[in-house]
């Protein structure tokens, strides 16, 4: 049995390790984790940049990867507490984005400003228990290569945005979007798709 499995199977040890990594009731890792553990665990591609005003709440028990020549702009929050956050090459994460894993973002992707992409959800079925005490649900978000997610959009858990697709500003994406599509609205619906025969974008 691996060390990770041993920790998971022992509730007391798991609680202690968690407290060592993160102060009680917080999402931000302790400074020693940030300074002395994360740089050796997580992967940063050459030429990548995380602006200093970004909140990077990443922990060693899940992956955080930032590809070559990718940038995370100021005032964003990256959190891998409940799932991996993987960002490909030549990708821009614009100002004031919130990305909560599990999230996998491909290459040459543009996230504009004020976008929330969260692979985390809260169970709420038991009305006799506060939602904050109920089970956390996770389902990965996948943003394939060459996509543009415009400002103020929300991407919900379990959604895949297909290659070279556009999500219009202010959209709330609750269902997967096929490749080469333009989606807009709340909830977001496909309004255009690229027709390779006509070689043009066609309204649906």
Protein backbone atom coordinates (compact mmCIF):
# COMPACT_ATOMS: atom_id res chain seq x y z
CA UNK A 1 0.00 0.00 0.00
CA UNK A 2 1.36 3.44 -0.95
CA UNK A 3 1.89 6.30 1.50
CA UNK A 4 -1.05 8.13 -0.10
CA UNK A 5 -3.34 5.11 0.39
CA UNK A 6 -2.18 4.71 4.00
CA UNK A 7 -3.05 8.35 4.74
CA UNK A 8 -6.47 8.03 3.05
CA UNK A 9 -7.33 4.88 5.02
CA UNK A 10 -6.48 6.46 8.38
CA UNK A 11 -8.96 9.29 9.21
CA UNK A 12 -6.92 10.63 12.13
CA UNK A 13 -3.68 10.75 10.13
CA UNK A 14 -5.50 12.24 7.14
CA UNK A 15 -6.94 15.02 9.32
CA UNK A 16 -3.50 15.78 10.82
CA UNK A 17 -1.77 15.88 7.41
CA UNK A 18 -4.53 18.15 6.09
CA UNK A 19 -4.04 20.50 9.05
CA UNK A 20 -0.29 20.52 8.41
CA UNK A 21 -0.88 21.59 4.81
CA UNK A 22 -3.84 23.99 5.23
CA UNK A 23 -5.01 25.99 8.28
CA UNK A 24 -8.42 24.88 9.57
CA UNK A 25 -11.32 26.45 7.65
CA UNK A 26 -9.11 27.85 4.88
CA UNK A 27 -8.30 26.95 1.26
CA UNK A 28 -4.87 28.60 1.06
CA UNK A 29 -1.88 26.31 1.80
CA UNK A 30 0.58 27.17 4.55
CA UNK A 31 3.62 29.20 3.48
CA UNK A 32 6.03 26.29 4.00
CA UNK A 33 4.03 24.25 1.48
CA UNK A 34 4.08 27.13 -1.00
CA UNK A 35 7.82 27.77 -0.62
CA UNK A 36 9.37 24.36 0.00
CA UNK A 37 7.01 21.71 -1.42
CA UNK A 38 5.03 23.01 -4.39
CA UNK A 39 8.04 24.12 -6.51
CA UNK A 40 9.30 20.51 -6.48
CA UNK A 41 5.92 18.84 -7.05
CA UNK A 42 4.15 20.98 -9.65
CA UNK A 43 5.25 21.55 -13.25
CA UNK A 44 5.90 24.93 -14.87
CA UNK A 45 6.79 25.12 -18.57
CA UNK A 46 9.58 27.35 -19.87
CA UNK A 47 8.49 30.93 -20.47
CA UNK A 48 5.34 30.54 -18.35
CA UNK A 49 4.26 33.36 -16.06
CA UNK A 50 2.07 33.68 -12.96
CA UNK A 51 1.58 37.33 -12.05
CA UNK A 52 2.42 38.07 -8.44
CA UNK A 53 -1.10 39.20 -7.47
CA UNK A 54 -2.55 35.82 -8.41
CA UNK A 55 -3.82 33.63 -5.57
CA UNK A 56 -2.34 30.18 -6.18
CA UNK A 57 -4.03 27.81 -3.72
CA UNK A 58 -2.34 24.63 -4.91
CA UNK A 59 -1.52 21.62 -2.78
CA UNK A 60 0.91 18.73 -3.34
CA UNK A 61 -1.69 15.92 -3.31
CA UNK A 62 -3.25 17.02 -6.65
CA UNK A 63 -1.58 18.13 -9.86
CA UNK A 64 -0.97 21.70 -10.96
CA UNK A 65 0.68 22.13 -14.35
CA UNK A 66 1.21 25.29 -16.39
CA UNK A 67 2.44 24.82 -19.94
CA UNK A 68 5.14 26.57 -21.93
CA UNK A 69 4.61 30.29 -22.61
CA UNK A 70 1.29 30.30 -20.74
CA UNK A 71 0.26 33.18 -18.49
CA UNK A 72 -2.03 33.55 -15.49
CA UNK A 73 -2.88 37.22 -15.02
CA UNK A 74 -3.28 39.17 -11.78
CA UNK A 75 -6.19 38.79 -9.36
CA UNK A 76 -6.98 35.25 -10.52
CA UNK A 77 -7.43 32.29 -8.18
CA UNK A 78 -6.22 28.79 -8.97
CA UNK A 79 -7.30 25.98 -6.62
CA UNK A 80 -6.49 22.28 -6.95
CA UNK A 81 -7.77 21.24 -3.52
CA UNK A 82 -10.34 18.76 -4.86
CA UNK A 83 -8.93 18.05 -8.31
CA UNK A 84 -6.06 18.59 -10.73
CA UNK A 85 -5.62 21.88 -12.59
CA UNK A 86 -3.75 21.38 -15.85
CA UNK A 87 -3.17 24.26 -18.28
CA UNK A 88 -1.54 23.67 -21.66
CA UNK A 89 0.95 25.63 -23.75
CA UNK A 90 0.50 29.19 -25.08
CA UNK A 91 -2.67 29.66 -23.04
CA UNK A 92 -3.80 32.92 -21.45
CA UNK A 93 -5.77 32.97 -18.20
CA UNK A 94 -6.95 36.58 -18.03
CA UNK A 95 -7.46 38.87 -15.06
CA UNK A 96 -9.75 37.88 -12.18
CA UNK A 97 -10.48 34.32 -13.28
CA UNK A 98 -11.39 31.62 -10.77
CA UNK A 99 -10.36 28.07 -11.69
CA UNK A 100 -11.20 25.29 -9.26
CA UNK A 101 -10.17 21.77 -10.24
CA UNK A 102 -10.63 19.29 -11.63
CA UNK A 103 -10.06 21.43 -14.75
CA UNK A 104 -8.03 20.59 -17.85
CA UNK A 105 -7.38 23.48 -20.24
CA UNK A 106 -5.70 22.78 -23.57
CA UNK A 107 -3.17 24.62 -25.74
CA UNK A 108 -3.67 28.06 -27.32
CA UNK A 109 -6.75 28.79 -25.20
CA UNK A 110 -7.91 32.30 -24.28
CA UNK A 111 -9.76 32.86 -21.01
CA UNK A 112 -10.81 36.52 -20.98
CA UNK A 113 -11.71 38.30 -17.69
CA UNK A 114 -13.90 37.37 -14.69
CA UNK A 115 -14.51 33.75 -15.71
CA UNK A 116 -15.43 31.04 -13.22
CA UNK A 117 -14.61 27.44 -14.15
CA UNK A 118 -15.31 25.10 -11.23
CA UNK A 119 -15.21 21.32 -11.32
CA UNK A 120 -16.61 21.35 -7.77
CA UNK A 121 -20.24 21.19 -6.68
CA UNK A 122 -22.03 20.83 -3.34
CA UNK A 123 -24.62 18.18 -2.57
CA UNK A 124 -27.85 19.73 -1.27
CA UNK A 125 -30.38 16.87 -1.21
CA UNK A 126 -30.59 16.49 2.59
CA UNK A 127 -32.72 19.43 3.78
CA UNK A 128 -32.00 18.57 7.42
CA UNK A 129 -28.29 19.30 7.01
CA UNK A 130 -26.56 22.57 6.06
CA UNK A 131 -25.31 22.45 2.47
CA UNK A 132 -21.81 23.35 3.69
CA UNK A 133 -21.69 20.04 5.62
CA UNK A 134 -22.91 17.86 2.77
CA UNK A 135 -20.84 15.87 0.32
CA UNK A 136 -18.61 17.65 -2.21
CA UNK A 137 -19.17 16.47 -5.77
CA UNK A 138 -16.55 16.76 -8.49
CA UNK A 139 -16.72 16.30 -12.26
CA UNK A 140 -13.90 17.44 -14.54
CA UNK A 141 -14.14 20.43 -16.86
CA UNK A 142 -12.29 20.01 -20.15
CA UNK A 143 -11.51 22.96 -22.41
CA UNK A 144 -9.98 21.61 -25.61
CA UNK A 145 -7.31 23.34 -27.74
CA UNK A 146 -7.79 26.71 -29.45
CA UNK A 147 -10.92 27.81 -27.55
CA UNK A 148 -11.90 31.35 -26.58
CA UNK A 149 -13.96 31.80 -23.41
CA UNK A 150 -15.18 35.40 -23.38
CA UNK A 151 -15.52 37.63 -20.31
CA UNK A 152 -17.89 36.97 -17.41
CA UNK A 153 -18.67 33.39 -18.43
CA UNK A 154 -19.32 30.50 -16.06
CA UNK A 155 -18.27 26.94 -16.90
CA UNK A 156 -19.94 24.35 -14.65
CA UNK A 157 -18.61 20.98 -13.54
CA UNK A 158 -18.62 18.06 -15.95
CA UNK A 159 -18.65 20.23 -19.08
CA UNK A 160 -16.41 19.78 -22.13
CA UNK A 161 -15.91 22.67 -24.56
CA UNK A 162 -14.79 21.19 -27.87
CA UNK A 163 -11.81 22.27 -29.95
CA UNK A 164 -11.77 25.76 -31.53
CA UNK A 165 -15.07 26.77 -29.92
CA UNK A 166 -16.15 30.18 -28.67
CA UNK A 167 -18.20 30.85 -25.54
CA UNK A 168 -19.79 34.30 -25.79
CA UNK A 169 -19.44 36.82 -22.97
CA UNK A 170 -21.71 36.32 -19.97
CA UNK A 171 -22.67 32.76 -20.92
CA UNK A 172 -23.37 30.01 -18.38
CA UNK A 173 -22.23 26.69 -19.82
CA UNK A 174 -24.12 23.80 -18.21
CA UNK A 175 -23.83 21.25 -21.04
CA UNK A 176 -20.94 20.20 -23.26
CA UNK A 177 -20.30 22.12 -26.48
CA UNK A 178 -19.16 20.29 -29.62
CA UNK A 179 -15.96 21.29 -31.45
CA UNK A 180 -16.01 24.26 -33.85
CA UNK A 181 -19.08 25.85 -32.26
CA UNK A 182 -20.16 29.23 -30.93
CA UNK A 183 -22.32 29.08 -27.79
CA UNK A 184 -24.13 31.91 -26.03
CA UNK A 185 -26.73 32.57 -23.34
CA UNK A 186 -27.86 31.30 -19.96
CA UNK A 187 -27.94 28.37 -20.21
CA UNK A 188 -25.54 28.48 -23.16
CA UNK A 189 -26.77 27.05 -26.47
CA UNK A 190 -24.92 26.51 -29.73
CA UNK A 191 -25.79 29.33 -32.15
CA UNK A 192 -23.17 28.70 -34.85
CA UNK A 193 -21.04 25.84 -36.12
CA UNK A 194 -18.25 25.75 -38.65
CA UNK A 195 -19.19 24.03 -41.92
CA UNK A 196 -16.04 22.53 -43.39
CA UNK A 197 -17.75 21.96 -46.76
CA UNK A 198 -18.76 25.62 -47.11
CA UNK A 199 -15.69 26.77 -45.16
CA UNK A 200 -17.72 29.24 -43.13
CA UNK A 201 -19.52 29.64 -39.82
CA UNK A 202 -23.21 28.75 -40.19
CA UNK A 203 -26.07 29.67 -37.85
CA UNK A 204 -27.78 26.70 -36.25
